[in-house]
C-alpha atoms as a PDB file:
ATOM      1  CA  MET A   1     131.153 -93.329  26.091  1.00  0.00           C
ATOM      2  CA  THR A   2     128.059 -91.276  26.700  1.00  0.00           C
ATOM      3  CA  VAL A   3     126.767 -90.956  30.234  1.00  0.00           C
ATOM      4  CA  SER A   4     123.104 -90.436  30.995  1.00  0.00           C
ATOM      5  CA  ALA A   5     121.806 -86.883  30.804  1.00  0.00           C
ATOM      6  CA  PRO A   6     121.658 -86.191  34.568  1.00  0.00           C
ATOM      7  CA  LEU A   7     125.338 -87.144  34.898  1.00  0.00           C
ATOM      8  CA  ARG A   8     126.710 -85.122  31.983  1.00  0.00           C
ATOM      9  CA  GLN A   9     127.094 -82.002  34.096  1.00  0.00           C
ATOM     10  CA  TYR A  10     129.422 -83.895  36.459  1.00  0.00           C
ATOM     11  CA  PHE A  11     131.201 -86.057  33.889  1.00  0.00           C
ATOM     12  CA  PRO A  12     131.118 -84.043  30.628  1.00  0.00           C
ATOM     13  CA  ASP A  13     133.757 -86.192  28.937  1.00  0.00           C
ATOM     14  CA  GLY A  14     131.961 -89.393  29.957  1.00  0.00           C
ATOM     15  CA  VAL A  15     134.862 -90.574  32.119  1.00  0.00           C
ATOM     16  CA  PHE A  16     134.370 -91.664  35.710  1.00  0.00           C
ATOM     17  CA  SER A  17     137.778 -90.406  36.825  1.00  0.00           C
ATOM     18  CA  SER A  18     139.658 -92.499  39.374  1.00  0.00           C
ATOM     19  CA  GLY A  19     140.490 -89.357  41.369  1.00  0.00           C
ATOM     20  CA  CYS A  20     136.913 -88.073  41.551  1.00  0.00           C
ATOM     21  CA  PRO A  21     135.625 -87.482  45.102  1.00  0.00           C
ATOM     22  CA  SER A  22     132.395 -89.206  44.099  1.00  0.00           C
ATOM     23  CA  ARG A  23     134.298 -92.503  44.141  1.00  0.00           C
ATOM     24  CA  VAL A  24     135.159 -92.060  47.815  1.00  0.00           C
ATOM     25  CA  VAL A  25     131.553 -91.303  48.744  1.00  0.00           C
ATOM     26  CA  LEU A  26     130.258 -94.095  46.514  1.00  0.00           C
ATOM     27  CA  ASP A  27     132.547 -96.530  48.315  1.00  0.00           C
ATOM     28  CA  HIS A  28     131.222 -95.430  51.718  1.00  0.00           C
ATOM     29  CA  VAL A  29     127.515 -95.445  50.928  1.00  0.00           C
ATOM     30  CA  THR A  30     127.440 -98.536  48.736  1.00  0.00           C
ATOM     31  CA  SER A  31     129.473-100.765  51.002  1.00  0.00           C
ATOM     32  CA  LYS A  32     127.295-103.586  52.282  1.00  0.00           C
ATOM     33  CA  TRP A  33     127.168-102.234  55.842  1.00  0.00           C
ATOM     34  CA  GLY A  34     126.989 -98.561  54.841  1.00  0.00           C
ATOM     35  CA  THR A  35     123.939 -99.232  52.717  1.00  0.00           C
ATOM     36  CA  LEU A  36     122.232-101.310  55.401  1.00  0.00           C
ATOM     37  CA  VAL A  37     122.869 -98.719  58.129  1.00  0.00           C
ATOM     38  CA  ILE A  38     121.489 -95.920  55.957  1.00  0.00           C
ATOM     39  CA  LEU A  39     118.429 -98.000  55.097  1.00  0.00           C
ATOM     40  CA  ALA A  40     117.910 -98.984  58.752  1.00  0.00           C
ATOM     41  CA  LEU A  41     117.851 -95.295  59.665  1.00  0.00           C
ATOM     42  CA  ALA A  42     115.737 -94.296  56.655  1.00  0.00           C
ATOM     43  CA  GLU A  43     112.423 -94.356  58.503  1.00  0.00           C
ATOM     44  CA  GLY A  44     113.521 -91.337  60.487  1.00  0.00           C
ATOM     45  CA  GLU A  45     113.641 -92.697  64.004  1.00  0.00           C
ATOM     46  CA  ALA A  46     116.871 -92.511  65.980  1.00  0.00           C
ATOM     47  CA  LEU A  47     118.250 -95.955  66.755  1.00  0.00           C
ATOM     48  CA  ARG A  48     120.557 -97.225  69.439  1.00  0.00           C
ATOM     49  CA  TRP A  49     123.617 -99.339  68.681  1.00  0.00           C
ATOM     50  CA  SER A  50     121.932-102.627  69.568  1.00  0.00           C
ATOM     51  CA  GLU A  51     118.934-101.901  67.353  1.00  0.00           C
ATOM     52  CA  LEU A  52     121.175-100.990  64.409  1.00  0.00           C
ATOM     53  CA  ARG A  53     123.136-104.183  64.945  1.00  0.00           C
ATOM     54  CA  ARG A  54     119.898-106.184  64.997  1.00  0.00           C
ATOM     55  CA  ARG A  55     118.608-104.567  61.812  1.00  0.00           C
ATOM     56  CA  ALA A  56     121.895-105.054  59.946  1.00  0.00           C
ATOM     57  CA  GLU A  57     121.999-108.724  60.854  1.00  0.00           C
ATOM     58  CA  GLY A  58     125.457-110.245  60.614  1.00  0.00           C
ATOM     59  CA  VAL A  59     127.469-107.053  61.069  1.00  0.00           C
ATOM     60  CA  SER A  60     130.299-107.383  63.574  1.00  0.00           C
ATOM     61  CA  GLU A  61     130.776-104.807  66.316  1.00  0.00           C
ATOM     62  CA  LYS A  62     134.007-103.682  64.641  1.00  0.00           C
ATOM     63  CA  MET A  63     132.379-103.190  61.227  1.00  0.00           C
ATOM     64  CA  LEU A  64     129.371-101.385  62.685  1.00  0.00           C
ATOM     65  CA  ALA A  65     131.653 -99.050  64.610  1.00  0.00           C
ATOM     66  CA  GLN A  66     133.790 -98.348  61.528  1.00  0.00           C
ATOM     67  CA  THR A  67     130.746 -97.840  59.330  1.00  0.00           C
ATOM     68  CA  LEU A  68     129.040 -95.460  61.758  1.00  0.00           C
ATOM     69  CA  ARG A  69     132.259 -93.494  62.252  1.00  0.00           C
ATOM     70  CA  GLN A  70     132.699 -93.143  58.484  1.00  0.00           C
ATOM     71  CA  LEU A  71     129.097 -92.168  57.813  1.00  0.00           C
ATOM     72  CA  GLU A  72     129.258 -89.652  60.655  1.00  0.00           C
ATOM     73  CA  ALA A  73     132.491 -88.171  59.241  1.00  0.00           C
ATOM     74  CA  ASP A  74     130.783 -87.949  55.833  1.00  0.00           C
ATOM     75  CA  GLY A  75     127.950 -85.948  57.375  1.00  0.00           C
ATOM     76  CA  LEU A  76     125.341 -88.608  56.665  1.00  0.00           C
ATOM     77  CA  VAL A  77     124.741 -89.902  60.194  1.00  0.00           C
ATOM     78  CA  HIS A  78     124.338 -87.948  63.436  1.00  0.00           C
ATOM     79  CA  ARG A  79     125.562 -89.469  66.699  1.00  0.00           C
ATOM     80  CA  ASP A  80     123.766 -88.246  69.806  1.00  0.00           C
ATOM     81  CA  ALA A  81     125.644 -89.284  72.968  1.00  0.00           C
ATOM     82  CA  ARG A  82     123.762 -88.377  76.112  1.00  0.00           C
ATOM     83  CA  PRO A  83     125.811 -87.860  79.285  1.00  0.00           C
ATOM     84  CA  VAL A  84     124.032 -90.414  81.444  1.00  0.00           C
ATOM     85  CA  VAL A  85     125.008 -93.633  83.170  1.00  0.00           C
ATOM     86  CA  PRO A  86     124.860 -96.074  81.517  1.00  0.00           C
ATOM     87  CA  PRO A  87     125.791 -94.282  78.270  1.00  0.00           C
ATOM     88  CA  HIS A  88     122.894 -93.643  75.893  1.00  0.00           C
ATOM     89  CA  VAL A  89     123.881 -93.151  72.266  1.00  0.00           C
ATOM     90  CA  GLU A  90     121.458 -92.849  69.365  1.00  0.00           C
ATOM     91  CA  TYR A  91     122.102 -92.580  65.657  1.00  0.00           C
ATOM     92  CA  SER A  92     119.971 -90.830  63.064  1.00  0.00           C
ATOM     93  CA  LEU A  93     120.334 -89.529  59.547  1.00  0.00           C
ATOM     94  CA  THR A  94     121.331 -85.946  58.917  1.00  0.00           C
ATOM     95  CA  ASP A  95     119.460 -83.952  56.269  1.00  0.00           C
ATOM     96  CA  ARG A  96     122.116 -85.032  53.769  1.00  0.00           C
ATOM     97  CA  GLY A  97     121.722 -88.654  54.869  1.00  0.00           C
ATOM     98  CA  SER A  98     117.936 -88.417  54.561  1.00  0.00           C
ATOM     99  CA  GLY A  99     118.292 -87.109  51.012  1.00  0.00           C
ATOM    100  CA  LEU A 100     120.513 -90.043  50.177  1.00  0.00           C
ATOM    101  CA  ALA A 101     118.134 -92.525  51.836  1.00  0.00           C
ATOM    102  CA  GLU A 102     115.217 -91.187  49.770  1.00  0.00           C
ATOM    103  CA  ARG A 103     117.124 -92.320  46.695  1.00  0.00           C
ATOM    104  CA  MET A 104     118.377 -95.595  48.142  1.00  0.00           C
ATOM    105  CA  VAL A 105     115.010 -96.925  49.326  1.00  0.00           C
ATOM    106  CA  PRO A 106     113.612 -97.337  45.764  1.00  0.00           C
ATOM    107  CA  LEU A 107     116.859 -99.043  44.722  1.00  0.00           C
ATOM    108  CA  MET A 108     116.596-101.462  47.646  1.00  0.00           C
ATOM    109  CA  ALA A 109     112.951-102.147  46.798  1.00  0.00           C
ATOM    110  CA  TRP A 110     113.980-102.984  43.222  1.00  0.00           C
ATOM    111  CA  ILE A 111     116.784-105.234  44.495  1.00  0.00           C
ATOM    112  CA  ALA A 112     114.481-107.033  46.957  1.00  0.00           C
ATOM    113  CA  ASP A 113     111.926-107.586  44.188  1.00  0.00           C
ATOM    114  CA  HIS A 114     114.441-108.973  41.694  1.00  0.00           C
ATOM    115  CA  ALA A 115     117.002-110.671  43.975  1.00  0.00           C
ATOM    116  CA  PRO A 116     115.456-114.163  43.980  1.00  0.00           C
ATOM    117  CA  ALA A 117     115.467-114.369  40.173  1.00  0.00           C
ATOM    118  CA  ILE A 118     118.940-112.807  39.871  1.00  0.00           C
ATOM    119  CA  VAL A 119     120.451-115.224  42.400  1.00  0.00           C
ATOM    120  CA  SER A 120     118.695-118.179  40.759  1.00  0.00           C
ATOM    121  CA  ASP A 121     119.918-117.132  37.298  1.00  0.00           C
ATOM    122  CA  ALA A 122     123.477-116.745  38.605  1.00  0.00           C
ATOM    123  CA  GLU A 123     123.381-120.188  40.237  1.00  0.00           C
ATOM    124  CA  GLU A 124     122.077-121.753  37.029  1.00  0.00           C
ATOM    125  CA  ALA A 125     124.784-120.015  34.985  1.00  0.00           C
ATOM    126  CA  ALA A 126     127.484-121.196  37.414  1.00  0.00           C
ATOM    127  CA  ALA A 127     126.163-124.764  37.266  1.00  0.00           C
ATOM    128  CA  ALA A 128     126.063-124.666  33.455  1.00  0.00           C
ATOM    129  CA  HIS A 129     129.597-123.264  33.363  1.00  0.00           C
ATOM    130  CA  ALA A 130     130.815-125.974  35.744  1.00  0.00           C
ATOM    131  CA  ALA A 131     129.091-128.658  33.660  1.00  0.00           C
ATOM    132  CA  ALA A 132     130.624-127.294  30.471  1.00  0.00           C
ATOM    133  CA  GLY A 133     134.038-127.251  32.141  1.00  0.00           C
ATOM    134  CA  ALA A 134     133.645-130.827  33.314  1.00  0.00           C
ATOM    135  CA  ALA A 135     132.511-131.926  29.856  1.00  0.00           C
ATOM    136  CA  GLY A 136     135.539-130.173  28.349  1.00  0.00           C
ATOM    137  CA  ALA A 137     137.863-131.926  30.790  1.00  0.00           C
ATOM    138  CA  VAL A 138     136.370-135.317  29.890  1.00  0.00           C
ATOM    139  CA  THR A 139     136.766-134.542  26.179  1.00  0.00           C
ATOM    140  CA  GLN A 140     140.420-133.559  26.758  1.00  0.00           C
ATOM    141  CA  ALA A 141     141.053-136.811  28.678  1.00  0.00           C
ATOM    142  CA  VAL A 142     139.442-138.931  25.952  1.00  0.00           C
ATOM    143  CA  ARG A 143     141.617-137.294  23.249  1.00  0.00           C
ATOM    144  CA  ARG A 144     144.800-138.153  25.122  1.00  0.00           C
END
């Protein structure tokens, strides 16, 4: 296997090793909620919990908390807790997180542009597969 030129310095033998630390980071930043949190913070403004939850529609409180904790531990998200009553906590990207977001935004734009056709193609393929399976079952029944 030959990896693309920019990756050869990291994977000279062309193997994406199961023990490579990049797998851990890849899992964190490409999880559904990790990606959406990073993209929500990509514009540079600090956001409060409720705003992040609104922007990552559908995320549960538990998953948002876990995701923010993980991204903070990874050094991608900064948590600013102000000692006031009621508590005021804002989240923003660190420099490392901003660098990542700069690369993720074009990917998300590509996905948003192509998603309708990809989903439609997948649905058509699933329907064709189901129809072929049903036709095969009918043929099997007729032969018996």
